[in-house]
PDB file of all heavy atoms in Angstrom:
ATOM      1  N   TYR A   1      -1.981  28.453   9.442  1.00  0.00           N
ATOM      2  CA  TYR A   1      -1.247  28.090   8.229  1.00  0.00           C
ATOM      3  C   TYR A   1       0.040  27.323   8.563  1.00  0.00           C
ATOM      4  O   TYR A   1       0.397  26.350   7.885  1.00  0.00           O
ATOM      5  CB  TYR A   1      -0.895  29.345   7.430  1.00  0.00           C
ATOM      6  CG  TYR A   1      -2.096  30.062   6.862  1.00  0.00           C
ATOM      7  CD1 TYR A   1      -2.060  31.428   6.596  1.00  0.00           C
ATOM      8  CD2 TYR A   1      -3.289  29.367   6.604  1.00  0.00           C
ATOM      9  CE1 TYR A   1      -3.159  32.093   6.077  1.00  0.00           C
ATOM     10  CE2 TYR A   1      -4.393  30.022   6.095  1.00  0.00           C
ATOM     11  CZ  TYR A   1      -4.329  31.397   5.832  1.00  0.00           C
ATOM     12  OH  TYR A   1      -5.411  32.046   5.326  1.00  0.00           O
ATOM     13  N   ALA A   2       0.755  27.770   9.594  1.00  0.00           N
ATOM     14  CA  ALA A   2       1.983  27.085   9.988  1.00  0.00           C
ATOM     15  C   ALA A   2       1.692  25.649  10.421  1.00  0.00           C
ATOM     16  O   ALA A   2       2.437  24.713  10.103  1.00  0.00           O
ATOM     17  CB  ALA A   2       2.677  27.855  11.107  1.00  0.00           C
ATOM     18  N   SER A   3       0.599  25.484  11.155  1.00  0.00           N
ATOM     19  CA  SER A   3       0.224  24.140  11.593  1.00  0.00           C
ATOM     20  C   SER A   3      -0.114  23.248  10.398  1.00  0.00           C
ATOM     21  O   SER A   3       0.294  22.086  10.330  1.00  0.00           O
ATOM     22  CB  SER A   3      -0.970  24.226  12.547  1.00  0.00           C
ATOM     23  OG  SER A   3      -1.409  22.943  12.928  1.00  0.00           O
ATOM     24  N   GLU A   4      -0.840  23.801   9.423  1.00  0.00           N
ATOM     25  CA  GLU A   4      -1.186  23.021   8.232  1.00  0.00           C
ATOM     26  C   GLU A   4       0.066  22.643   7.437  1.00  0.00           C
ATOM     27  O   GLU A   4       0.170  21.531   6.910  1.00  0.00           O
ATOM     28  CB  GLU A   4      -2.162  23.817   7.370  1.00  0.00           C
ATOM     29  CG  GLU A   4      -3.539  23.996   8.010  1.00  0.00           C
ATOM     30  CD  GLU A   4      -4.450  24.875   7.160  1.00  0.00           C
ATOM     31  OE1 GLU A   4      -3.954  25.423   6.151  1.00  0.00           O
ATOM     32  OE2 GLU A   4      -5.635  25.005   7.502  1.00  0.00           O
ATOM     33  N   LEU A   5       1.021  23.586   7.328  1.00  0.00           N
ATOM     34  CA  LEU A   5       2.257  23.286   6.620  1.00  0.00           C
ATOM     35  C   LEU A   5       3.045  22.180   7.313  1.00  0.00           C
ATOM     36  O   LEU A   5       3.645  21.313   6.662  1.00  0.00           O
ATOM     37  CB  LEU A   5       3.110  24.551   6.495  1.00  0.00           C
ATOM     38  CG  LEU A   5       2.640  25.584   5.470  1.00  0.00           C
ATOM     39  CD1 LEU A   5       3.492  26.835   5.552  1.00  0.00           C
ATOM     40  CD2 LEU A   5       2.716  25.005   4.059  1.00  0.00           C
ATOM     41  N   ARG A   6       3.090  22.213   8.648  1.00  0.00           N
ATOM     42  CA  ARG A   6       3.778  21.147   9.382  1.00  0.00           C
ATOM     43  C   ARG A   6       3.126  19.796   9.134  1.00  0.00           C
ATOM     44  O   ARG A   6       3.806  18.778   8.948  1.00  0.00           O
ATOM     45  CB  ARG A   6       3.809  21.479  10.881  1.00  0.00           C
ATOM     46  CG  ARG A   6       4.841  22.540  11.252  1.00  0.00           C
ATOM     47  CD  ARG A   6       5.052  22.590  12.759  1.00  0.00           C
ATOM     48  NE  ARG A   6       3.837  22.987  13.468  1.00  0.00           N
ATOM     49  CZ  ARG A   6       3.516  24.245  13.756  1.00  0.00           C
ATOM     50  NH1 ARG A   6       4.333  25.234  13.393  1.00  0.00           N
ATOM     51  NH2 ARG A   6       2.406  24.538  14.401  1.00  0.00           N
ATOM     52  N   GLU A   7       1.794  19.781   9.131  1.00  0.00           N
ATOM     53  CA  GLU A   7       1.094  18.526   8.878  1.00  0.00           C
ATOM     54  C   GLU A   7       1.389  18.024   7.459  1.00  0.00           C
ATOM     55  O   GLU A   7       1.603  16.823   7.243  1.00  0.00           O
ATOM     56  CB  GLU A   7      -0.404  18.732   9.067  1.00  0.00           C
ATOM     57  CG  GLU A   7      -0.804  18.994  10.517  1.00  0.00           C
ATOM     58  CD  GLU A   7      -2.305  19.245  10.653  1.00  0.00           C
ATOM     59  OE1 GLU A   7      -2.986  19.255   9.603  1.00  0.00           O
ATOM     60  OE2 GLU A   7      -2.786  19.429  11.795  1.00  0.00           O
ATOM     61  N   LEU A   8       1.393  18.956   6.462  1.00  0.00           N
ATOM     62  CA  LEU A   8       1.696  18.566   5.092  1.00  0.00           C
ATOM     63  C   LEU A   8       3.114  18.008   4.979  1.00  0.00           C
ATOM     64  O   LEU A   8       3.360  17.007   4.291  1.00  0.00           O
ATOM     65  CB  LEU A   8       1.522  19.762   4.157  1.00  0.00           C
ATOM     66  CG  LEU A   8       1.836  19.520   2.674  1.00  0.00           C
ATOM     67  CD1 LEU A   8       0.927  18.449   2.102  1.00  0.00           C
ATOM     68  CD2 LEU A   8       1.698  20.812   1.876  1.00  0.00           C
ATOM     69  N   LYS A   9       4.070  18.644   5.675  1.00  0.00           N
ATOM     70  CA  LYS A   9       5.452  18.173   5.655  1.00  0.00           C
ATOM     71  C   LYS A   9       5.539  16.767   6.243  1.00  0.00           C
ATOM     72  O   LYS A   9       6.236  15.890   5.697  1.00  0.00           O
ATOM     73  CB  LYS A   9       6.336  19.136   6.436  1.00  0.00           C
ATOM     74  CG  LYS A   9       7.794  18.723   6.484  1.00  0.00           C
ATOM     75  CD  LYS A   9       8.628  19.705   7.278  1.00  0.00           C
ATOM     76  CE  LYS A   9      10.080  19.244   7.349  1.00  0.00           C
ATOM     77  NZ  LYS A   9      10.903  20.199   8.153  1.00  0.00           N
ATOM     78  N   GLN A  10       4.839  16.542   7.357  1.00  0.00           N
ATOM     79  CA  GLN A  10       4.861  15.211   7.960  1.00  0.00           C
ATOM     80  C   GLN A  10       4.285  14.167   7.010  1.00  0.00           C
ATOM     81  O   GLN A  10       4.801  13.054   6.898  1.00  0.00           O
ATOM     82  CB  GLN A  10       4.096  15.239   9.280  1.00  0.00           C
ATOM     83  CG  GLN A  10       4.776  16.067  10.374  1.00  0.00           C
ATOM     84  CD  GLN A  10       3.934  16.143  11.631  1.00  0.00           C
ATOM     85  OE1 GLN A  10       2.797  15.664  11.660  1.00  0.00           O
ATOM     86  NE2 GLN A  10       4.471  16.778  12.677  1.00  0.00           N
ATOM     87  N   GLN A  11       3.197  14.548   6.301  1.00  0.00           N
ATOM     88  CA  GLN A  11       2.608  13.616   5.344  1.00  0.00           C
ATOM     89  C   GLN A  11       3.577  13.303   4.206  1.00  0.00           C
ATOM     90  O   GLN A  11       3.717  12.149   3.786  1.00  0.00           O
ATOM     91  CB  GLN A  11       1.310  14.196   4.781  1.00  0.00           C
ATOM     92  CG  GLN A  11       0.196  14.325   5.811  1.00  0.00           C
ATOM     93  CD  GLN A  11      -1.041  14.991   5.243  1.00  0.00           C
ATOM     94  OE1 GLN A  11      -1.071  15.347   4.067  1.00  0.00           O
ATOM     95  NE2 GLN A  11      -2.058  15.184   6.071  1.00  0.00           N
ATOM     96  N   MET A  12       4.267  14.348   3.695  1.00  0.00           N
ATOM     97  CA  MET A  12       5.221  14.126   2.611  1.00  0.00           C
ATOM     98  C   MET A  12       6.377  13.231   3.064  1.00  0.00           C
ATOM     99  O   MET A  12       6.820  12.342   2.329  1.00  0.00           O
ATOM    100  CB  MET A  12       5.764  15.477   2.129  1.00  0.00           C
ATOM    101  CG  MET A  12       4.731  16.370   1.455  1.00  0.00           C
ATOM    102  SD  MET A  12       4.136  15.653  -0.074  1.00  0.00           S
ATOM    103  CE  MET A  12       5.591  15.749  -1.073  1.00  0.00           C
ATOM    104  N   VAL A  13       6.888  13.468   4.272  1.00  0.00           N
ATOM    105  CA  VAL A  13       7.979  12.639   4.786  1.00  0.00           C
ATOM    106  C   VAL A  13       7.528  11.186   4.910  1.00  0.00           C
ATOM    107  O   VAL A  13       8.255  10.254   4.559  1.00  0.00           O
ATOM    108  CB  VAL A  13       8.464  13.189   6.141  1.00  0.00           C
ATOM    109  CG1 VAL A  13       9.418  12.212   6.806  1.00  0.00           C
ATOM    110  CG2 VAL A  13       9.155  14.536   5.957  1.00  0.00           C
ATOM    111  N   SER A  14       6.317  11.001   5.390  1.00  0.00           N
ATOM    112  CA  SER A  14       5.796   9.648   5.539  1.00  0.00           C
ATOM    113  C   SER A  14       5.659   8.963   4.180  1.00  0.00           C
ATOM    114  O   SER A  14       6.022   7.792   4.019  1.00  0.00           O
ATOM    115  CB  SER A  14       4.443   9.685   6.260  1.00  0.00           C
ATOM    116  OG  SER A  14       3.880   8.402   6.339  1.00  0.00           O
ATOM    117  N   GLN A  15       5.153   9.701   3.178  1.00  0.00           N
ATOM    118  CA  GLN A  15       5.010   9.123   1.845  1.00  0.00           C
ATOM    119  C   GLN A  15       6.367   8.789   1.238  1.00  0.00           C
ATOM    120  O   GLN A  15       6.529   7.753   0.581  1.00  0.00           O
ATOM    121  CB  GLN A  15       4.234  10.085   0.945  1.00  0.00           C
ATOM    122  CG  GLN A  15       2.773  10.249   1.336  1.00  0.00           C
ATOM    123  CD  GLN A  15       2.039  11.218   0.427  1.00  0.00           C
ATOM    124  OE1 GLN A  15       2.613  11.762  -0.494  1.00  0.00           O
ATOM    125  NE2 GLN A  15       0.765  11.442   0.703  1.00  0.00           N
ATOM    126  N   LEU A  16       7.366   9.670   1.437  1.00  0.00           N
ATOM    127  CA  LEU A  16       8.704   9.392   0.917  1.00  0.00           C
ATOM    128  C   LEU A  16       9.299   8.153   1.571  1.00  0.00           C
ATOM    129  O   LEU A  16       9.968   7.343   0.910  1.00  0.00           O
ATOM    130  CB  LEU A  16       9.611  10.604   1.137  1.00  0.00           C
ATOM    131  CG  LEU A  16       9.330  11.830   0.261  1.00  0.00           C
ATOM    132  CD1 LEU A  16      10.202  13.006   0.692  1.00  0.00           C
ATOM    133  CD2 LEU A  16       9.583  11.499  -1.208  1.00  0.00           C
ATOM    134  N   GLU A  17       9.087   8.001   2.874  1.00  0.00           N
ATOM    135  CA  GLU A  17       9.576   6.803   3.546  1.00  0.00           C
ATOM    136  C   GLU A  17       8.920   5.548   2.977  1.00  0.00           C
ATOM    137  O   GLU A  17       9.583   4.525   2.776  1.00  0.00           O
ATOM    138  CB  GLU A  17       9.321   6.920   5.046  1.00  0.00           C
ATOM    139  CG  GLU A  17      10.175   7.982   5.737  1.00  0.00           C
ATOM    140  CD  GLU A  17       9.826   8.128   7.207  1.00  0.00           C
ATOM    141  OE1 GLU A  17       8.812   7.504   7.632  1.00  0.00           O
ATOM    142  OE2 GLU A  17      10.543   8.842   7.930  1.00  0.00           O
ATOM    143  N   ASN A  18       7.607   5.639   2.713  1.00  0.00           N
ATOM    144  CA  ASN A  18       6.921   4.493   2.129  1.00  0.00           C
ATOM    145  C   ASN A  18       7.455   4.173   0.734  1.00  0.00           C
ATOM    146  O   ASN A  18       7.621   3.000   0.359  1.00  0.00           O
ATOM    147  CB  ASN A  18       5.413   4.766   2.053  1.00  0.00           C
ATOM    148  CG  ASN A  18       4.772   4.813   3.440  1.00  0.00           C
ATOM    149  OD1 ASN A  18       5.275   4.214   4.382  1.00  0.00           O
ATOM    150  ND2 ASN A  18       3.678   5.543   3.561  1.00  0.00           N
ATOM    151  N   LEU A  19       7.755   5.235  -0.055  1.00  0.00           N
ATOM    152  CA  LEU A  19       8.309   5.012  -1.389  1.00  0.00           C
ATOM    153  C   LEU A  19       9.682   4.353  -1.311  1.00  0.00           C
ATOM    154  O   LEU A  19      10.008   3.467  -2.115  1.00  0.00           O
ATOM    155  CB  LEU A  19       8.406   6.346  -2.139  1.00  0.00           C
ATOM    156  CG  LEU A  19       7.081   6.939  -2.638  1.00  0.00           C
ATOM    157  CD1 LEU A  19       7.327   8.315  -3.259  1.00  0.00           C
ATOM    158  CD2 LEU A  19       6.428   6.019  -3.661  1.00  0.00           C
ATOM    159  N   ASP A  20      10.500   4.782  -0.347  1.00  0.00           N
ATOM    160  CA  ASP A  20      11.810   4.153  -0.177  1.00  0.00           C
ATOM    161  C   ASP A  20      11.674   2.676   0.174  1.00  0.00           C
ATOM    162  O   ASP A  20      12.425   1.827  -0.322  1.00  0.00           O
ATOM    163  CB  ASP A  20      12.606   4.882   0.917  1.00  0.00           C
ATOM    164  CG  ASP A  20      13.078   6.254   0.466  1.00  0.00           C
ATOM    165  OD1 ASP A  20      13.166   6.469  -0.753  1.00  0.00           O
ATOM    166  OD2 ASP A  20      13.335   7.108   1.339  1.00  0.00           O
ATOM    167  N   LYS A  21      10.709   2.363   1.044  1.00  0.00           N
ATOM    168  CA  LYS A  21      10.490   0.964   1.401  1.00  0.00           C
ATOM    169  C   LYS A  21      10.039   0.152   0.190  1.00  0.00           C
ATOM    170  O   LYS A  21      10.499  -0.968  -0.035  1.00  0.00           O
ATOM    171  CB  LYS A  21       9.455   0.874   2.520  1.00  0.00           C
ATOM    172  CG  LYS A  21       9.930   1.455   3.857  1.00  0.00           C
ATOM    173  CD  LYS A  21       8.834   1.350   4.902  1.00  0.00           C
ATOM    174  CE  LYS A  21       9.282   1.958   6.233  1.00  0.00           C
ATOM    175  NZ  LYS A  21       8.203   1.897   7.254  1.00  0.00           N
ATOM    176  N   GLU A  22       9.106   0.723  -0.602  1.00  0.00           N
ATOM    177  CA  GLU A  22       8.646   0.016  -1.790  1.00  0.00           C
ATOM    178  C   GLU A  22       9.774  -0.165  -2.797  1.00  0.00           C
ATOM    179  O   GLU A  22       9.877  -1.207  -3.463  1.00  0.00           O
ATOM    180  CB  GLU A  22       7.481   0.778  -2.425  1.00  0.00           C
ATOM    181  CG  GLU A  22       6.230   0.801  -1.559  1.00  0.00           C
ATOM    182  CD  GLU A  22       5.116   1.621  -2.188  1.00  0.00           C
ATOM    183  OE1 GLU A  22       5.346   2.175  -3.289  1.00  0.00           O
ATOM    184  OE2 GLU A  22       4.031   1.717  -1.602  1.00  0.00           O
ATOM    185  N   LYS A  23      10.634   0.865  -2.926  1.00  0.00           N
ATOM    186  CA  LYS A  23      11.783   0.768  -3.829  1.00  0.00           C
ATOM    187  C   LYS A  23      12.721  -0.357  -3.397  1.00  0.00           C
ATOM    188  O   LYS A  23      13.212  -1.144  -4.214  1.00  0.00           O
ATOM    189  CB  LYS A  23      12.522   2.101  -3.874  1.00  0.00           C
ATOM    190  CG  LYS A  23      13.756   2.111  -4.749  1.00  0.00           C
ATOM    191  CD  LYS A  23      14.435   3.454  -4.701  1.00  0.00           C
ATOM    192  CE  LYS A  23      15.716   3.454  -5.523  1.00  0.00           C
ATOM    193  NZ  LYS A  23      16.397   4.782  -5.453  1.00  0.00           N
ATOM    194  N   GLU A  24      13.003  -0.442  -2.105  1.00  0.00           N
ATOM    195  CA  GLU A  24      13.882  -1.495  -1.603  1.00  0.00           C
ATOM    196  C   GLU A  24      13.262  -2.873  -1.816  1.00  0.00           C
ATOM    197  O   GLU A  24      13.954  -3.828  -2.199  1.00  0.00           O
ATOM    198  CB  GLU A  24      14.154  -1.258  -0.116  1.00  0.00           C
ATOM    199  CG  GLU A  24      15.088  -2.279   0.520  1.00  0.00           C
ATOM    200  CD  GLU A  24      16.487  -2.232  -0.064  1.00  0.00           C
ATOM    201  OE1 GLU A  24      16.844  -1.195  -0.654  1.00  0.00           O
ATOM    202  OE2 GLU A  24      17.210  -3.232   0.065  1.00  0.00           O
ATOM    203  N   ALA A  25      11.934  -2.962  -1.595  1.00  0.00           N
ATOM    204  CA  ALA A  25      11.263  -4.240  -1.819  1.00  0.00           C
ATOM    205  C   ALA A  25      11.332  -4.642  -3.287  1.00  0.00           C
ATOM    206  O   ALA A  25      11.560  -5.816  -3.622  1.00  0.00           O
ATOM    207  CB  ALA A  25       9.806  -4.153  -1.355  1.00  0.00           C
ATOM    208  N   LEU A  26      11.147  -3.659  -4.174  1.00  0.00           N
ATOM    209  CA  LEU A  26      11.231  -3.946  -5.609  1.00  0.00           C
ATOM    210  C   LEU A  26      12.636  -4.390  -5.991  1.00  0.00           C
ATOM    211  O   LEU A  26      12.813  -5.319  -6.794  1.00  0.00           O
ATOM    212  CB  LEU A  26      10.829  -2.701  -6.399  1.00  0.00           C
ATOM    213  CG  LEU A  26      10.871  -2.820  -7.925  1.00  0.00           C
ATOM    214  CD1 LEU A  26       9.940  -3.912  -8.400  1.00  0.00           C
ATOM    215  CD2 LEU A  26      10.502  -1.489  -8.574  1.00  0.00           C
ATOM    216  N   ARG A  27      13.657  -3.734  -5.414  1.00  0.00           N
ATOM    217  CA  ARG A  27      15.030  -4.125  -5.715  1.00  0.00           C
ATOM    218  C   ARG A  27      15.296  -5.561  -5.265  1.00  0.00           C
ATOM    219  O   ARG A  27      15.939  -6.349  -5.968  1.00  0.00           O
ATOM    220  CB  ARG A  27      16.001  -3.174  -5.023  1.00  0.00           C
ATOM    221  CG  ARG A  27      17.458  -3.394  -5.402  1.00  0.00           C
ATOM    222  CD  ARG A  27      18.382  -2.595  -4.520  1.00  0.00           C
ATOM    223  NE  ARG A  27      18.313  -3.029  -3.135  1.00  0.00           N
ATOM    224  CZ  ARG A  27      18.913  -4.118  -2.660  1.00  0.00           C
ATOM    225  NH1 ARG A  27      19.647  -4.868  -3.478  1.00  0.00           N
ATOM    226  NH2 ARG A  27      18.805  -4.459  -1.401  1.00  0.00           N
ATOM    227  N   MET A  28      14.807  -5.916  -4.083  1.00  0.00           N
ATOM    228  CA  MET A  28      14.992  -7.285  -3.587  1.00  0.00           C
ATOM    229  C   MET A  28      14.281  -8.288  -4.487  1.00  0.00           C
ATOM    230  O   MET A  28      14.811  -9.380  -4.756  1.00  0.00           O
ATOM    231  CB  MET A  28      14.486  -7.380  -2.151  1.00  0.00           C
ATOM    232  CG  MET A  28      15.281  -6.545  -1.146  1.00  0.00           C
ATOM    233  SD  MET A  28      14.604  -6.602   0.532  1.00  0.00           S
ATOM    234  CE  MET A  28      14.830  -8.329   0.919  1.00  0.00           C
ATOM    235  N   ASN A  29      13.088  -7.919  -4.968  1.00  0.00           N
ATOM    236  CA  ASN A  29      12.373  -8.812  -5.877  1.00  0.00           C
ATOM    237  C   ASN A  29      13.142  -9.010  -7.173  1.00  0.00           C
ATOM    238  O   ASN A  29      13.228 -10.123  -7.716  1.00  0.00           O
ATOM    239  CB  ASN A  29      10.974  -8.258  -6.164  1.00  0.00           C
ATOM    240  CG  ASN A  29      10.062  -8.338  -4.952  1.00  0.00           C
ATOM    241  OD1 ASN A  29      10.263  -9.166  -4.066  1.00  0.00           O
ATOM    242  ND2 ASN A  29       9.056  -7.473  -4.901  1.00  0.00           N
ATOM    243  N   LEU A  30      13.706  -7.900  -7.684  1.00  0.00           N
ATOM    244  CA  LEU A  30      14.490  -8.001  -8.919  1.00  0.00           C
ATOM    245  C   LEU A  30      15.729  -8.871  -8.707  1.00  0.00           C
ATOM    246  O   LEU A  30      16.110  -9.665  -9.582  1.00  0.00           O
ATOM    247  CB  LEU A  30      14.895  -6.605  -9.388  1.00  0.00           C
ATOM    248  CG  LEU A  30      13.764  -5.731  -9.941  1.00  0.00           C
ATOM    249  CD1 LEU A  30      14.281  -4.329 -10.257  1.00  0.00           C
ATOM    250  CD2 LEU A  30      13.151  -6.355 -11.184  1.00  0.00           C
ATOM    251  N   ASP A  31      16.388  -8.697  -7.562  1.00  0.00           N
ATOM    252  CA  ASP A  31      17.541  -9.557  -7.263  1.00  0.00           C
ATOM    253  C   ASP A  31      17.135 -11.019  -7.208  1.00  0.00           C
ATOM    254  O   ASP A  31      17.853 -11.906  -7.689  1.00  0.00           O
ATOM    255  CB  ASP A  31      18.180  -9.135  -5.937  1.00  0.00           C
ATOM    256  CG  ASP A  31      18.838  -7.768  -6.024  1.00  0.00           C
ATOM    257  OD1 ASP A  31      19.111  -7.316  -7.146  1.00  0.00           O
ATOM    258  OD2 ASP A  31      19.070  -7.160  -4.961  1.00  0.00           O
ATOM    259  N   SER A  32      15.980 -11.257  -6.606  1.00  0.00           N
ATOM    260  CA  SER A  32      15.493 -12.642  -6.521  1.00  0.00           C
ATOM    261  C   SER A  32      15.209 -13.204  -7.908  1.00  0.00           C
ATOM    262  O   SER A  32      15.552 -14.346  -8.219  1.00  0.00           O
ATOM    263  CB  SER A  32      14.232 -12.692  -5.653  1.00  0.00           C
ATOM    264  OG  SER A  32      13.682 -13.992  -5.630  1.00  0.00           O
ATOM    265  N   VAL A  33      14.594 -12.366  -8.765  1.00  0.00           N
ATOM    266  CA  VAL A  33      14.318 -12.818 -10.137  1.00  0.00           C
ATOM    267  C   VAL A  33      15.619 -13.103 -10.875  1.00  0.00           C
ATOM    268  O   VAL A  33      15.742 -14.098 -11.601  1.00  0.00           O
ATOM    269  CB  VAL A  33      13.477 -11.763 -10.876  1.00  0.00           C
ATOM    270  CG1 VAL A  33      13.374 -12.103 -12.358  1.00  0.00           C
ATOM    271  CG2 VAL A  33      12.085 -11.672 -10.266  1.00  0.00           C
ATOM    272  N   GLY A  34      16.630 -12.211 -10.685  1.00  0.00           N
ATOM    273  CA  GLY A  34      17.914 -12.433 -11.330  1.00  0.00           C
ATOM    274  C   GLY A  34      18.553 -13.735 -10.891  1.00  0.00           C
ATOM    275  O   GLY A  34      19.126 -14.477 -11.705  1.00  0.00           O
ATOM    276  N   THR A  35      18.452 -14.047  -9.590  1.00  0.00           N
ATOM    277  CA  THR A  35      19.004 -15.304  -9.082  1.00  0.00           C
ATOM    278  C   THR A  35      18.299 -16.508  -9.697  1.00  0.00           C
ATOM    279  O   THR A  35      18.942 -17.502 -10.080  1.00  0.00           O
ATOM    280  CB  THR A  35      18.876 -15.343  -7.559  1.00  0.00           C
ATOM    281  OG1 THR A  35      19.546 -14.203  -6.995  1.00  0.00           O
ATOM    282  CG2 THR A  35      19.485 -16.612  -6.996  1.00  0.00           C
ATOM    283  N   ARG A  36      16.974 -16.400  -9.817  1.00  0.00           N
ATOM    284  CA  ARG A  36      16.218 -17.511 -10.403  1.00  0.00           C
ATOM    285  C   ARG A  36      16.567 -17.689 -11.882  1.00  0.00           C
ATOM    286  O   ARG A  36      16.673 -18.823 -12.372  1.00  0.00           O
ATOM    287  CB  ARG A  36      14.725 -17.261 -10.230  1.00  0.00           C
ATOM    288  CG  ARG A  36      14.282 -17.296  -8.761  1.00  0.00           C
ATOM    289  CD  ARG A  36      12.864 -16.798  -8.583  1.00  0.00           C
ATOM    290  NE  ARG A  36      11.902 -17.644  -9.284  1.00  0.00           N
ATOM    291  CZ  ARG A  36      10.595 -17.344  -9.361  1.00  0.00           C
ATOM    292  NH1 ARG A  36      10.136 -16.255  -8.776  1.00  0.00           N
ATOM    293  NH2 ARG A  36       9.791 -18.144 -10.019  1.00  0.00           N
ATOM    294  N   VAL A  37      16.744 -16.567 -12.586  1.00  0.00           N
ATOM    295  CA  VAL A  37      17.122 -16.665 -13.997  1.00  0.00           C
ATOM    296  C   VAL A  37      18.485 -17.330 -14.141  1.00  0.00           C
ATOM    297  O   VAL A  37      18.703 -18.190 -15.014  1.00  0.00           O
ATOM    298  CB  VAL A  37      17.120 -15.261 -14.643  1.00  0.00           C
ATOM    299  CG1 VAL A  37      17.764 -15.304 -16.030  1.00  0.00           C
ATOM    300  CG2 VAL A  37      15.698 -14.731 -14.751  1.00  0.00           C
ATOM    301  N   ASP A  38      19.439 -16.935 -13.279  1.00  0.00           N
ATOM    302  CA  ASP A  38      20.759 -17.566 -13.313  1.00  0.00           C
ATOM    303  C   ASP A  38      20.667 -19.069 -13.064  1.00  0.00           C
ATOM    304  O   ASP A  38      21.358 -19.875 -13.703  1.00  0.00           O
ATOM    305  CB  ASP A  38      21.687 -16.922 -12.278  1.00  0.00           C
ATOM    306  CG  ASP A  38      22.041 -15.492 -12.634  1.00  0.00           C
ATOM    307  OD1 ASP A  38      21.923 -15.140 -13.820  1.00  0.00           O
ATOM    308  OD2 ASP A  38      22.415 -14.737 -11.717  1.00  0.00           O
ATOM    309  N   ARG A  39      19.797 -19.456 -12.100  1.00  0.00           N
ATOM    310  CA  ARG A  39      19.633 -20.878 -11.795  1.00  0.00           C
ATOM    311  C   ARG A  39      19.070 -21.627 -13.003  1.00  0.00           C
ATOM    312  O   ARG A  39      19.530 -22.731 -13.344  1.00  0.00           O
ATOM    313  CB  ARG A  39      18.726 -21.051 -10.578  1.00  0.00           C
ATOM    314  CG  ARG A  39      18.642 -22.505 -10.095  1.00  0.00           C
ATOM    315  CD  ARG A  39      17.661 -22.652  -8.930  1.00  0.00           C
ATOM    316  NE  ARG A  39      18.024 -21.796  -7.826  1.00  0.00           N
ATOM    317  CZ  ARG A  39      17.286 -20.792  -7.392  1.00  0.00           C
ATOM    318  NH1 ARG A  39      16.128 -20.525  -8.003  1.00  0.00           N
ATOM    319  NH2 ARG A  39      17.665 -20.065  -6.374  1.00  0.00           N
TER     320      ARG A  39
END
């Protein structure tokens, strides 16, 4: 059970890291759209 919990924790950490990366990419896209709108 302890081993399974560790594996689940690692999976959750990995998914959270991926979500943070996607969030940052989305923010950069929004900034780019804002710049284009200003132009």
